Amino acid sequence: MVEWTGRFAYKQVADDLRRRIADDEFAESGQLPSLAQIQKRYDVTVTVARAAIRQLTTDGLAVSHQGKGAFLTPDAARTAQLADPVGTVTELRQEVEKLRTEVGELRRRIATLEGN
């Protein structure tokens, strides 16, 4: 997953984990993947995995307990959503387009029912 983009690898991993947190992927367990799982999924070193988790804890999305792992803070999903305004705007645009389509369909149905 980590690409040669000029951005630090740990930031790329932290950004993807932040997106997954915003999508409530870890909500059920409340626990982030282990360092080993992060290493395997993103094909990175343990140093990069640790730095990504450290970034999430610095951002207030997680707390880390030595020997137990990293866990989401109570408002992690909301905080992660707010941290990505571009993603939020994109989602809002998609939702608006969906609503436009639905409103258009409702107008057609009303016109048909009214005999226009």
N, C-alpha and C. Protein backbone atom coordinates (compact mmCIF):
# COMPACT_ATOMS: atom_id res chain seq x y z
N MET A 1 0.82 -1.19 0.00
CA MET A 1 0.00 0.00 0.00
C MET A 1 0.85 1.25 0.00
N VAL A 2 1.94 1.26 0.76
CA VAL A 2 2.79 2.44 0.83
C VAL A 2 3.46 2.62 -0.52
N GLU A 3 3.38 3.84 -1.04
CA GLU A 3 3.91 4.14 -2.37
C GLU A 3 5.04 5.16 -2.27
N TRP A 4 5.81 5.25 -3.30
CA TRP A 4 6.90 6.21 -3.36
C TRP A 4 6.35 7.54 -3.83
N THR A 5 5.69 8.25 -2.93
CA THR A 5 5.03 9.51 -3.28
C THR A 5 5.77 10.73 -2.75
N GLY A 6 6.80 10.52 -1.96
CA GLY A 6 7.48 11.63 -1.33
C GLY A 6 6.95 11.89 0.08
N ARG A 7 5.83 11.29 0.43
CA ARG A 7 5.28 11.39 1.79
C ARG A 7 5.87 10.27 2.62
N PHE A 8 6.09 10.57 3.90
CA PHE A 8 6.61 9.54 4.79
C PHE A 8 5.68 8.34 4.82
N ALA A 9 6.28 7.15 4.88
CA ALA A 9 5.49 5.91 4.89
C ALA A 9 4.55 5.87 6.08
N TYR A 10 5.02 6.30 7.25
CA TYR A 10 4.16 6.23 8.44
C TYR A 10 2.94 7.12 8.29
N LYS A 11 3.10 8.25 7.57
CA LYS A 11 1.95 9.14 7.36
C LYS A 11 0.94 8.50 6.42
N GLN A 12 1.43 7.79 5.42
CA GLN A 12 0.52 7.10 4.50
C GLN A 12 -0.27 6.02 5.25
N VAL A 13 0.43 5.28 6.10
CA VAL A 13 -0.24 4.23 6.89
C VAL A 13 -1.23 4.86 7.86
N ALA A 14 -0.80 5.92 8.55
CA ALA A 14 -1.70 6.60 9.51
C ALA A 14 -2.92 7.16 8.80
N ASP A 15 -2.74 7.71 7.61
CA ASP A 15 -3.88 8.25 6.86
C ASP A 15 -4.86 7.16 6.48
N ASP A 16 -4.35 6.00 6.07
CA ASP A 16 -5.27 4.91 5.72
C ASP A 16 -5.98 4.38 6.97
N LEU A 17 -5.26 4.26 8.07
CA LEU A 17 -5.91 3.83 9.31
C LEU A 17 -6.95 4.86 9.76
N ARG A 18 -6.64 6.15 9.60
CA ARG A 18 -7.58 7.21 9.95
C ARG A 18 -8.86 7.09 9.11
N ARG A 19 -8.69 6.81 7.82
CA ARG A 19 -9.86 6.62 6.94
C ARG A 19 -10.69 5.43 7.40
N ARG A 20 -10.01 4.35 7.76
CA ARG A 20 -10.71 3.16 8.23
C ARG A 20 -11.41 3.42 9.55
N ILE A 21 -10.81 4.23 10.42
CA ILE A 21 -11.45 4.61 11.68
C ILE A 21 -12.70 5.43 11.38
N ALA A 22 -12.58 6.39 10.45
CA ALA A 22 -13.72 7.23 10.08
C ALA A 22 -14.87 6.39 9.52
N ASP A 23 -14.53 5.29 8.85
CA ASP A 23 -15.54 4.39 8.29
C ASP A 23 -16.06 3.38 9.31
N ASP A 24 -15.68 3.55 10.59
CA ASP A 24 -16.12 2.68 11.69
C ASP A 24 -15.69 1.22 11.53
N GLU A 25 -14.59 1.00 10.83
CA GLU A 25 -14.13 -0.37 10.61
C GLU A 25 -13.72 -1.08 11.91
N PHE A 26 -13.23 -0.31 12.88
CA PHE A 26 -12.75 -0.91 14.12
C PHE A 26 -13.71 -0.68 15.28
N ALA A 27 -14.88 -0.17 15.00
CA ALA A 27 -15.83 0.21 16.06
C ALA A 27 -16.25 -0.97 16.93
N GLU A 28 -16.43 -2.13 16.34
CA GLU A 28 -16.94 -3.28 17.10
C GLU A 28 -15.97 -3.70 18.20
N SER A 29 -14.70 -3.82 17.87
CA SER A 29 -13.71 -4.25 18.87
C SER A 29 -13.11 -3.07 19.62
N GLY A 30 -13.07 -1.91 18.96
CA GLY A 30 -12.44 -0.74 19.56
C GLY A 30 -10.94 -0.80 19.56
N GLN A 31 -10.39 -1.83 18.94
CA GLN A 31 -8.94 -2.01 18.92
C GLN A 31 -8.40 -1.88 17.50
N LEU A 32 -7.28 -1.19 17.39
CA LEU A 32 -6.60 -1.08 16.11
C LEU A 32 -5.82 -2.36 15.83
N PRO A 33 -5.44 -2.58 14.57
CA PRO A 33 -4.64 -3.77 14.26
C PRO A 33 -3.32 -3.74 15.04
N SER A 34 -2.77 -4.91 15.30
CA SER A 34 -1.49 -5.02 15.99
C SER A 34 -0.37 -4.52 15.07
N LEU A 35 0.78 -4.29 15.65
CA LEU A 35 1.93 -3.87 14.84
C LEU A 35 2.23 -4.89 13.75
N ALA A 36 2.16 -6.17 14.11
CA ALA A 36 2.42 -7.24 13.13
C ALA A 36 1.40 -7.20 11.99
N GLN A 37 0.14 -6.96 12.33
CA GLN A 37 -0.90 -6.89 11.29
C GLN A 37 -0.69 -5.67 10.39
N ILE A 38 -0.29 -4.57 10.97
CA ILE A 38 -0.01 -3.37 10.18
C ILE A 38 1.18 -3.62 9.26
N GLN A 39 2.23 -4.23 9.80
CA GLN A 39 3.40 -4.54 8.99
C GLN A 39 3.02 -5.40 7.78
N LYS A 40 2.22 -6.41 8.02
CA LYS A 40 1.84 -7.33 6.95
C LYS A 40 0.93 -6.65 5.92
N ARG A 41 -0.09 -5.93 6.40
CA ARG A 41 -1.05 -5.31 5.48
C ARG A 41 -0.41 -4.26 4.59
N TYR A 42 0.46 -3.43 5.18
CA TYR A 42 1.03 -2.31 4.44
C TYR A 42 2.45 -2.58 3.93
N ASP A 43 2.98 -3.75 4.26
CA ASP A 43 4.34 -4.13 3.85
C ASP A 43 5.35 -3.08 4.29
N VAL A 44 5.35 -2.81 5.60
CA VAL A 44 6.25 -1.82 6.18
C VAL A 44 7.00 -2.44 7.36
N THR A 45 7.99 -1.71 7.85
CA THR A 45 8.76 -2.17 9.00
C THR A 45 8.00 -1.89 10.29
N VAL A 46 8.46 -2.48 11.38
CA VAL A 46 7.84 -2.26 12.68
C VAL A 46 8.01 -0.79 13.09
N THR A 47 9.10 -0.17 12.67
CA THR A 47 9.32 1.24 12.99
C THR A 47 8.25 2.12 12.35
N VAL A 48 7.91 1.83 11.11
CA VAL A 48 6.87 2.59 10.41
C VAL A 48 5.52 2.32 11.07
N ALA A 49 5.24 1.08 11.41
CA ALA A 49 3.97 0.74 12.05
C ALA A 49 3.83 1.47 13.39
N ARG A 50 4.90 1.48 14.17
CA ARG A 50 4.88 2.18 15.46
C ARG A 50 4.64 3.68 15.27
N ALA A 51 5.33 4.24 14.29
CA ALA A 51 5.19 5.68 14.04
C ALA A 51 3.76 6.02 13.61
N ALA A 52 3.13 5.15 12.83
CA ALA A 52 1.75 5.39 12.40
C ALA A 52 0.81 5.38 13.61
N ILE A 53 0.99 4.41 14.50
CA ILE A 53 0.17 4.35 15.71
C ILE A 53 0.44 5.56 16.59
N ARG A 54 1.70 5.94 16.70
CA ARG A 54 2.06 7.13 17.49
C ARG A 54 1.37 8.37 16.93
N GLN A 55 1.30 8.48 15.60
CA GLN A 55 0.63 9.61 14.97
C GLN A 55 -0.85 9.63 15.34
N LEU A 56 -1.48 8.47 15.32
CA LEU A 56 -2.90 8.40 15.68
C LEU A 56 -3.13 8.74 17.15
N THR A 57 -2.20 8.37 18.01
CA THR A 57 -2.35 8.73 19.42
C THR A 57 -2.13 10.23 19.61
N THR A 58 -1.18 10.79 18.89
CA THR A 58 -0.94 12.24 18.94
C THR A 58 -2.17 13.00 18.46
N ASP A 59 -2.85 12.45 17.46
CA ASP A 59 -4.05 13.09 16.90
C ASP A 59 -5.28 12.88 17.78
N GLY A 60 -5.15 12.11 18.84
CA GLY A 60 -6.27 11.88 19.75
C GLY A 60 -7.24 10.81 19.30
N LEU A 61 -6.84 9.98 18.35
CA LEU A 61 -7.74 8.94 17.86
C LEU A 61 -7.59 7.62 18.61
N ALA A 62 -6.45 7.45 19.26
CA ALA A 62 -6.18 6.17 19.92
C ALA A 62 -5.35 6.39 21.18
N VAL A 63 -5.41 5.40 22.03
CA VAL A 63 -4.51 5.33 23.18
C VAL A 63 -3.81 3.98 23.09
N SER A 64 -2.56 3.98 23.48
CA SER A 64 -1.76 2.77 23.37
C SER A 64 -1.41 2.25 24.75
N HIS A 65 -1.54 0.94 24.91
CA HIS A 65 -1.20 0.29 26.17
C HIS A 65 -0.13 -0.76 25.89
N GLN A 66 1.04 -0.56 26.48
CA GLN A 66 2.16 -1.46 26.22
C GLN A 66 1.76 -2.90 26.48
N GLY A 67 2.02 -3.73 25.50
CA GLY A 67 1.73 -5.16 25.63
C GLY A 67 0.29 -5.53 25.31
N LYS A 68 -0.57 -4.55 25.17
CA LYS A 68 -1.99 -4.83 24.90
C LYS A 68 -2.45 -4.30 23.55
N GLY A 69 -1.81 -3.26 23.03
CA GLY A 69 -2.18 -2.72 21.74
C GLY A 69 -2.71 -1.31 21.82
N ALA A 70 -3.24 -0.87 20.71
CA ALA A 70 -3.80 0.49 20.62
C ALA A 70 -5.31 0.39 20.50
N PHE A 71 -5.99 1.27 21.22
CA PHE A 71 -7.45 1.26 21.26
C PHE A 71 -7.99 2.63 20.88
N LEU A 72 -9.16 2.62 20.26
CA LEU A 72 -9.78 3.87 19.83
C LEU A 72 -10.27 4.67 21.03
N THR A 73 -10.18 5.98 20.90
CA THR A 73 -10.78 6.85 21.90
C THR A 73 -12.28 6.88 21.64
N PRO A 74 -13.09 7.28 22.62
CA PRO A 74 -14.54 7.25 22.44
C PRO A 74 -15.06 8.01 21.22
N ASP A 75 -14.44 9.12 20.87
CA ASP A 75 -14.92 9.91 19.73
C ASP A 75 -14.00 9.82 18.53
N ALA A 76 -13.28 8.71 18.39
CA ALA A 76 -12.28 8.56 17.33
C ALA A 76 -12.87 8.68 15.93
N ALA A 77 -14.00 8.04 15.68
CA ALA A 77 -14.57 8.07 14.33
C ALA A 77 -14.93 9.50 13.93
N ARG A 78 -15.56 10.23 14.83
CA ARG A 78 -15.94 11.62 14.54
C ARG A 78 -14.70 12.49 14.35
N THR A 79 -13.71 12.32 15.20
CA THR A 79 -12.47 13.08 15.08
C THR A 79 -11.78 12.77 13.75
N ALA A 80 -11.77 11.50 13.36
CA ALA A 80 -11.14 11.11 12.09
C ALA A 80 -11.89 11.72 10.91
N GLN A 81 -13.21 11.76 10.99
CA GLN A 81 -13.99 12.37 9.90
C GLN A 81 -13.69 13.85 9.77
N LEU A 82 -13.58 14.53 10.89
CA LEU A 82 -13.29 15.96 10.87
C LEU A 82 -11.87 16.25 10.41
N ALA A 83 -10.97 15.30 10.60
CA ALA A 83 -9.58 15.49 10.20
C ALA A 83 -9.40 15.39 8.70
N ASP A 84 -10.41 14.91 7.99
CA ASP A 84 -10.32 14.74 6.54
C ASP A 84 -11.40 15.54 5.84
N PRO A 85 -11.26 16.88 5.80
CA PRO A 85 -12.31 17.68 5.18
C PRO A 85 -12.50 17.38 3.71
N VAL A 86 -11.43 16.99 3.00
CA VAL A 86 -11.57 16.67 1.59
C VAL A 86 -12.45 15.44 1.42
N GLY A 87 -12.21 14.43 2.24
CA GLY A 87 -13.04 13.23 2.18
C GLY A 87 -14.48 13.53 2.54
N THR A 88 -14.68 14.40 3.52
CA THR A 88 -16.03 14.78 3.94
C THR A 88 -16.74 15.51 2.81
N VAL A 89 -16.06 16.42 2.15
CA VAL A 89 -16.66 17.16 1.04
C VAL A 89 -17.00 16.22 -0.10
N THR A 90 -16.11 15.28 -0.39
CA THR A 90 -16.38 14.31 -1.45
C THR A 90 -17.62 13.48 -1.12
N GLU A 91 -17.72 13.04 0.13
CA GLU A 91 -18.88 12.26 0.54
C GLU A 91 -20.15 13.10 0.45
N LEU A 92 -20.08 14.35 0.85
CA LEU A 92 -21.24 15.24 0.77
C LEU A 92 -21.67 15.44 -0.68
N ARG A 93 -20.72 15.62 -1.57
CA ARG A 93 -21.05 15.78 -2.99
C ARG A 93 -21.74 14.54 -3.53
N GLN A 94 -21.24 13.37 -3.14
CA GLN A 94 -21.86 12.12 -3.58
C GLN A 94 -23.29 12.01 -3.05
N GLU A 95 -23.48 12.39 -1.80
CA GLU A 95 -24.81 12.34 -1.19
C GLU A 95 -25.76 13.31 -1.87
N VAL A 96 -25.29 14.51 -2.18
CA VAL A 96 -26.12 15.51 -2.86
C VAL A 96 -26.52 14.99 -4.24
N GLU A 97 -25.59 14.38 -4.96
CA GLU A 97 -25.90 13.83 -6.28
C GLU A 97 -26.95 12.72 -6.17
N LYS A 98 -26.81 11.88 -5.16
CA LYS A 98 -27.79 10.82 -4.93
C LYS A 98 -29.17 11.42 -4.64
N LEU A 99 -29.21 12.44 -3.81
CA LEU A 99 -30.48 13.09 -3.50
C LEU A 99 -31.10 13.75 -4.72
N ARG A 100 -30.27 14.37 -5.55
CA ARG A 100 -30.78 14.97 -6.80
C ARG A 100 -31.44 13.93 -7.68
N THR A 101 -30.80 12.78 -7.79
CA THR A 101 -31.36 11.70 -8.59
C THR A 101 -32.70 11.24 -8.02
N GLU A 102 -32.74 11.07 -6.70
CA GLU A 102 -33.98 10.63 -6.06
C GLU A 102 -35.09 11.66 -6.21
N VAL A 103 -34.77 12.94 -6.07
CA VAL A 103 -35.77 14.00 -6.23
C VAL A 103 -36.27 14.02 -7.67
N GLY A 104 -35.39 13.86 -8.62
CA GLY A 104 -35.80 13.81 -10.02
C GLY A 104 -36.76 12.67 -10.29
N GLU A 105 -36.45 11.50 -9.71
CA GLU A 105 -37.33 10.34 -9.85
C GLU A 105 -38.68 10.60 -9.21
N LEU A 106 -38.71 11.21 -8.04
CA LEU A 106 -39.97 11.54 -7.37
C LEU A 106 -40.79 12.52 -8.21
N ARG A 107 -40.13 13.50 -8.81
CA ARG A 107 -40.85 14.46 -9.67
C ARG A 107 -41.49 13.76 -10.85
N ARG A 108 -40.76 12.82 -11.45
CA ARG A 108 -41.32 12.06 -12.59
C ARG A 108 -42.53 11.25 -12.15
N ARG A 109 -42.44 10.62 -10.98
CA ARG A 109 -43.56 9.83 -10.48
C ARG A 109 -44.78 10.71 -10.20
N ILE A 110 -44.55 11.87 -9.60
CA ILE A 110 -45.67 12.79 -9.31
C ILE A 110 -46.30 13.25 -10.60
N ALA A 111 -45.47 13.59 -11.57
CA ALA A 111 -46.01 14.04 -12.87
C ALA A 111 -46.86 12.93 -13.50
N THR A 112 -46.41 11.69 -13.40
CA THR A 112 -47.15 10.57 -13.95
C THR A 112 -48.48 10.40 -13.22
N LEU A 113 -48.45 10.50 -11.90
CA LEU A 113 -49.68 10.35 -11.11
C LEU A 113 -50.67 11.49 -11.38
N GLU A 114 -50.16 12.68 -11.62
CA GLU A 114 -51.04 13.82 -11.87
C GLU A 114 -51.46 13.89 -13.32
N GLY A 115 -50.92 13.02 -14.15
CA GLY A 115 -51.31 12.96 -15.54
C GLY A 115 -50.66 14.03 -16.42
N ASN A 116 -49.55 14.54 -16.02
CA ASN A 116 -48.85 15.56 -16.81
C ASN A 116 -47.88 14.96 -17.76
